[in-house]
């Protein structure tokens, strides 16, 4: 598979403008014949817990129909981040668009304690996508929970993709943990991080891929939007700024 992780600078609270930016990233992924593109945590709104209740959407929001069209025409799977409506507090979700299939939802199961006042957890421990359920999705803090990666590996996933909003002070720990997941479970591991302001801090970028031995293959920088595309068969990669 050709897997693409997007590194974006979300415009806080502006879903319409973020959708327009996402379209450019998808177009780039399609031009390189990627099979899948995953965006950072809450990529359509920015990671802003205090705004999540007001910004929360339904997975079938018609504003997102453009992603289904892009998935159909580009023969690509697309995962975008958004707060989704729930009975109490919103969920942190990845909304998945697949070619000629109903959209799919993965909601963050393991929440950081700082998120508990603003969000509620999803029911599924790991999100599996792909024709053979070979791709496991994780959202930020979940990569730190050993049970999450273990469940993904136990389900037969060969690829683990973490959609995150990580600040500078959390990057060293996250990088070590993702390399460990790759080694321990013999999975190819990706991280899609954002840049720019989020929740009063700055996100650190450095979206990356590790091979199944836990070796860092490629990493984007700390300040630019772009894509990182990795071919899991040939183990070659492409980096492109957007």
Protein backbone atom coordinates (compact mmCIF):
# COMPACT_ATOMS: atom_id res chain seq x y z
CA UNK A 1 0.00 0.00 0.00
CA UNK A 2 0.96 3.61 -0.48
CA UNK A 3 0.14 5.38 2.77
CA UNK A 4 0.06 9.17 3.02
CA UNK A 5 0.07 11.19 6.23
CA UNK A 6 -0.80 14.87 5.97
CA UNK A 7 0.82 17.59 8.07
CA UNK A 8 -1.57 20.53 8.19
CA UNK A 9 -1.91 23.91 9.89
CA UNK A 10 -5.59 24.01 10.90
CA UNK A 11 -7.44 27.31 10.87
CA UNK A 12 -9.01 27.38 14.31
CA UNK A 13 -12.74 26.74 14.21
CA UNK A 14 -13.11 27.31 10.46
CA UNK A 15 -14.41 24.04 9.05
CA UNK A 16 -15.13 25.44 5.59
CA UNK A 17 -11.62 26.79 5.03
CA UNK A 18 -10.04 23.68 6.46
CA UNK A 19 -12.05 21.53 4.06
CA UNK A 20 -10.68 23.58 1.17
CA UNK A 21 -7.12 23.04 2.42
CA UNK A 22 -7.75 19.32 2.88
CA UNK A 23 -8.79 19.06 -0.77
CA UNK A 24 -5.33 20.20 -1.86
CA UNK A 25 -3.67 17.55 0.30
CA UNK A 26 -5.93 14.83 -1.10
CA UNK A 27 -5.18 15.96 -4.64
CA UNK A 28 -1.45 15.65 -3.97
CA UNK A 29 -1.90 12.17 -2.50
CA UNK A 30 -3.96 11.09 -5.52
CA UNK A 31 -1.32 12.45 -7.90
CA UNK A 32 1.17 10.07 -6.28
CA UNK A 33 -1.34 7.19 -6.44
CA UNK A 34 -1.63 6.86 -2.66
CA UNK A 35 -4.19 4.36 -1.40
CA UNK A 36 -4.88 6.15 1.87
CA UNK A 37 -4.43 9.60 3.40
CA UNK A 38 -4.85 10.32 7.12
CA UNK A 39 -5.02 13.82 8.60
CA UNK A 40 -4.04 14.96 12.11
CA UNK A 41 -6.29 14.89 15.16
CA UNK A 42 -9.30 17.23 14.83
CA UNK A 43 -7.88 18.50 11.55
CA UNK A 44 -11.14 20.11 10.40
CA UNK A 45 -11.44 22.35 13.47
CA UNK A 46 -8.02 22.45 15.07
CA UNK A 47 -7.34 20.85 18.45
CA UNK A 48 -9.35 23.17 20.68
CA UNK A 49 -11.15 21.25 23.46
CA UNK A 50 -12.98 24.31 24.78
CA UNK A 51 -14.55 24.90 21.35
CA UNK A 52 -15.35 21.26 20.57
CA UNK A 53 -18.94 21.26 21.80
CA UNK A 54 -19.84 24.21 19.58
CA UNK A 55 -17.94 22.84 16.59
CA UNK A 56 -19.07 19.20 16.80
CA UNK A 57 -20.64 17.78 13.65
CA UNK A 58 -22.50 14.67 12.55
CA UNK A 59 -20.52 12.16 10.46
CA UNK A 60 -23.07 12.58 7.65
CA UNK A 61 -22.70 16.37 7.58
CA UNK A 62 -23.26 17.37 3.92
CA UNK A 63 -20.21 19.64 4.04
CA UNK A 64 -18.15 16.46 4.06
CA UNK A 65 -19.71 15.04 0.89
CA UNK A 66 -16.78 16.44 -1.08
CA UNK A 67 -14.52 13.86 0.57
CA UNK A 68 -16.73 11.01 -0.61
CA UNK A 69 -16.54 12.40 -4.14
CA UNK A 70 -12.74 12.62 -3.88
CA UNK A 71 -12.57 9.06 -2.53
CA UNK A 72 -14.70 7.79 -5.39
CA UNK A 73 -12.95 9.64 -8.19
CA UNK A 74 -9.42 9.32 -6.83
CA UNK A 75 -9.68 5.68 -5.71
CA UNK A 76 -8.34 6.69 -2.29
CA UNK A 77 -9.34 6.24 1.33
CA UNK A 78 -9.47 9.51 3.31
CA UNK A 79 -9.50 9.99 7.08
CA UNK A 80 -10.30 13.48 8.40
CA UNK A 81 -10.35 14.56 12.04
CA UNK A 82 -13.35 16.23 13.66
CA UNK A 83 -15.30 16.44 16.91
CA UNK A 84 -18.51 14.47 16.39
CA UNK A 85 -21.77 14.96 18.22
CA UNK A 86 -22.72 12.65 21.07
CA UNK A 87 -25.50 12.67 23.65
CA UNK A 88 -23.32 14.18 26.37
CA UNK A 89 -19.96 15.49 25.21
CA UNK A 90 -18.50 15.22 21.69
CA UNK A 91 -16.15 12.45 20.58
CA UNK A 92 -12.73 12.95 19.02
CA UNK A 93 -13.17 11.19 15.70
CA UNK A 94 -11.68 10.18 12.40
CA UNK A 95 -14.30 10.12 9.66
CA UNK A 96 -13.28 7.63 6.98
CA UNK A 97 -14.29 7.88 3.31
CA UNK A 98 -13.74 4.84 1.07
CA UNK A 99 -14.36 4.37 -2.63
CA UNK A 100 -18.04 3.64 -3.25
CA UNK A 101 -18.67 2.66 0.38
CA UNK A 102 -20.59 4.23 3.26
CA UNK A 103 -18.47 6.52 5.40
CA UNK A 104 -17.01 4.98 8.54
CA UNK A 105 -16.34 6.46 11.97
CA UNK A 106 -13.55 5.78 14.44
CA UNK A 107 -13.82 7.58 17.76
CA UNK A 108 -10.99 7.94 20.26
CA UNK A 109 -11.43 5.28 22.93
CA UNK A 110 -8.67 6.23 25.38
CA UNK A 111 -8.80 9.88 26.46
CA UNK A 112 -6.12 11.84 28.31
CA UNK A 113 -7.32 13.09 31.69
CA UNK A 114 -7.17 16.68 30.42
CA UNK A 115 -9.73 15.77 27.74
CA UNK A 116 -12.32 14.24 30.06
CA UNK A 117 -14.13 17.53 30.85
CA UNK A 118 -14.66 18.16 27.13
CA UNK A 119 -15.00 14.79 25.37
CA UNK A 120 -16.44 11.31 25.80
CA UNK A 121 -14.73 8.10 24.70
CA UNK A 122 -15.67 5.92 21.77
CA UNK A 123 -16.68 2.29 22.11
CA UNK A 124 -14.19 0.53 19.83
CA UNK A 125 -10.68 -0.08 21.13
CA UNK A 126 -9.01 -0.03 17.71
CA UNK A 127 -10.19 1.19 14.35
CA UNK A 128 -9.46 -1.19 11.50
CA UNK A 129 -9.81 -0.09 7.88
CA UNK A 130 -8.74 -1.33 4.47
CA UNK A 131 -9.92 -4.16 2.26
CA UNK A 132 -8.37 -6.70 4.63
CA UNK A 133 -8.62 -4.63 7.83
CA UNK A 134 -4.85 -4.35 7.62
CA UNK A 135 -4.67 -0.73 8.83
CA UNK A 136 -5.24 0.18 12.49
CA UNK A 137 -6.07 3.76 13.42
CA UNK A 138 -5.09 5.49 16.65
CA UNK A 139 -5.79 9.01 17.86
CA UNK A 140 -3.03 10.78 19.81
CA UNK A 141 -3.02 9.66 23.48
CA UNK A 142 -4.04 6.15 22.42
CA UNK A 143 -0.54 5.44 21.15
CA UNK A 144 0.62 5.68 24.79
CA UNK A 145 -1.78 2.93 25.91
CA UNK A 146 -0.17 -0.52 25.40
CA UNK A 147 -3.56 -2.24 25.14
CA UNK A 148 -4.41 -0.19 22.07
CA UNK A 149 -1.47 -1.28 19.93
CA UNK A 150 -1.77 -4.83 21.28
CA UNK A 151 -5.42 -4.98 20.18
CA UNK A 152 -4.47 -3.72 16.74
CA UNK A 153 -1.73 -6.31 16.34
CA UNK A 154 -3.97 -9.04 17.72
CA UNK A 155 -6.55 -8.18 15.07
CA UNK A 156 -3.99 -8.80 12.35
CA UNK A 157 -3.13 -5.20 11.43
CA UNK A 158 0.17 -4.71 9.61
CA UNK A 159 0.01 -0.89 9.62
CA UNK A 160 -0.59 1.43 12.58
CA UNK A 161 -1.39 5.11 11.94
CA UNK A 162 -1.54 7.65 14.77
CA UNK A 163 -3.46 10.85 14.03
CA UNK A 164 -2.18 13.33 16.60
CA UNK A 165 -1.96 16.91 17.82
CA UNK A 166 1.38 16.79 19.62
CA UNK A 167 3.21 19.71 21.17
CA UNK A 168 7.00 20.05 21.29
CA UNK A 169 7.21 18.77 24.86
CA UNK A 170 5.44 15.54 23.94
CA UNK A 171 7.38 14.62 20.81
CA UNK A 172 10.32 12.75 22.32
CA UNK A 173 8.04 10.40 24.25
CA UNK A 174 5.73 9.89 21.26
CA UNK A 175 8.60 9.13 18.89
CA UNK A 176 10.08 6.55 21.25
CA UNK A 177 6.69 4.92 21.79
CA UNK A 178 5.86 4.71 18.08
CA UNK A 179 9.23 3.12 17.31
CA UNK A 180 8.58 0.65 20.13
CA UNK A 181 5.15 -0.24 18.71
CA UNK A 182 6.74 -0.93 15.33
CA UNK A 183 9.42 -3.20 16.83
CA UNK A 184 7.22 -4.98 19.33
CA UNK A 185 4.33 -5.73 16.99
CA UNK A 186 6.23 -5.81 13.69
CA UNK A 187 3.97 -3.18 12.14
CA UNK A 188 4.77 -0.26 9.88
CA UNK A 189 3.92 2.81 11.96
CA UNK A 190 2.94 6.33 10.88
CA UNK A 191 2.28 9.59 12.69
CA UNK A 192 0.26 12.47 11.21
CA UNK A 193 0.83 15.59 13.28
CA UNK A 194 -0.21 19.21 12.73
CA UNK A 195 1.67 22.49 13.05
CA UNK A 196 0.57 25.84 14.38
CA UNK A 197 -1.47 26.94 17.42
CA UNK A 198 -3.63 24.48 19.35
CA UNK A 199 -5.11 24.74 22.85
CA UNK A 200 -2.77 27.57 23.85
CA UNK A 201 0.40 25.88 22.60
CA UNK A 202 2.16 25.09 19.31
CA UNK A 203 2.00 21.74 17.55
CA UNK A 204 5.36 20.32 16.56
CA UNK A 205 4.84 18.73 13.13
CA UNK A 206 7.52 16.08 12.41
CA UNK A 207 5.01 13.66 10.89
CA UNK A 208 6.90 10.43 10.32
CA UNK A 209 7.05 6.75 9.36
CA UNK A 210 8.89 3.85 11.03
CA UNK A 211 9.43 0.48 9.36
CA UNK A 212 8.43 -2.76 11.06
CA UNK A 213 11.85 -2.99 12.74
CA UNK A 214 11.24 0.35 14.43
CA UNK A 215 13.73 2.29 12.30
CA UNK A 216 12.76 5.85 11.41
CA UNK A 217 12.43 6.00 7.62
CA UNK A 218 11.37 9.60 6.98
CA UNK A 219 10.13 12.68 8.83
CA UNK A 220 8.70 16.05 7.85
CA UNK A 221 9.96 19.26 9.46
CA UNK A 222 8.54 21.33 12.30
CA UNK A 223 7.17 24.33 10.39
CA UNK A 224 5.79 23.43 6.95
CA UNK A 225 2.59 21.85 5.72
CA UNK A 226 3.14 18.81 3.54
CA UNK A 227 2.65 15.12 2.91
CA UNK A 228 4.75 12.06 3.57
CA UNK A 229 3.93 9.07 1.36
CA UNK A 230 5.43 5.64 2.07
CA UNK A 231 5.13 2.52 -0.09
CA UNK A 232 4.95 -0.45 2.29
CA UNK A 233 6.01 -2.87 -0.48
CA UNK A 234 9.04 -1.09 -1.93
CA UNK A 235 9.78 0.87 1.29
CA UNK A 236 10.35 4.04 -0.73
CA UNK A 237 8.95 7.42 0.27
CA UNK A 238 8.02 10.82 -1.11
CA UNK A 239 7.97 14.11 0.82
CA UNK A 240 6.22 17.13 -0.63
CA UNK A 241 5.48 20.53 0.87
CA UNK A 242 2.06 22.05 0.16
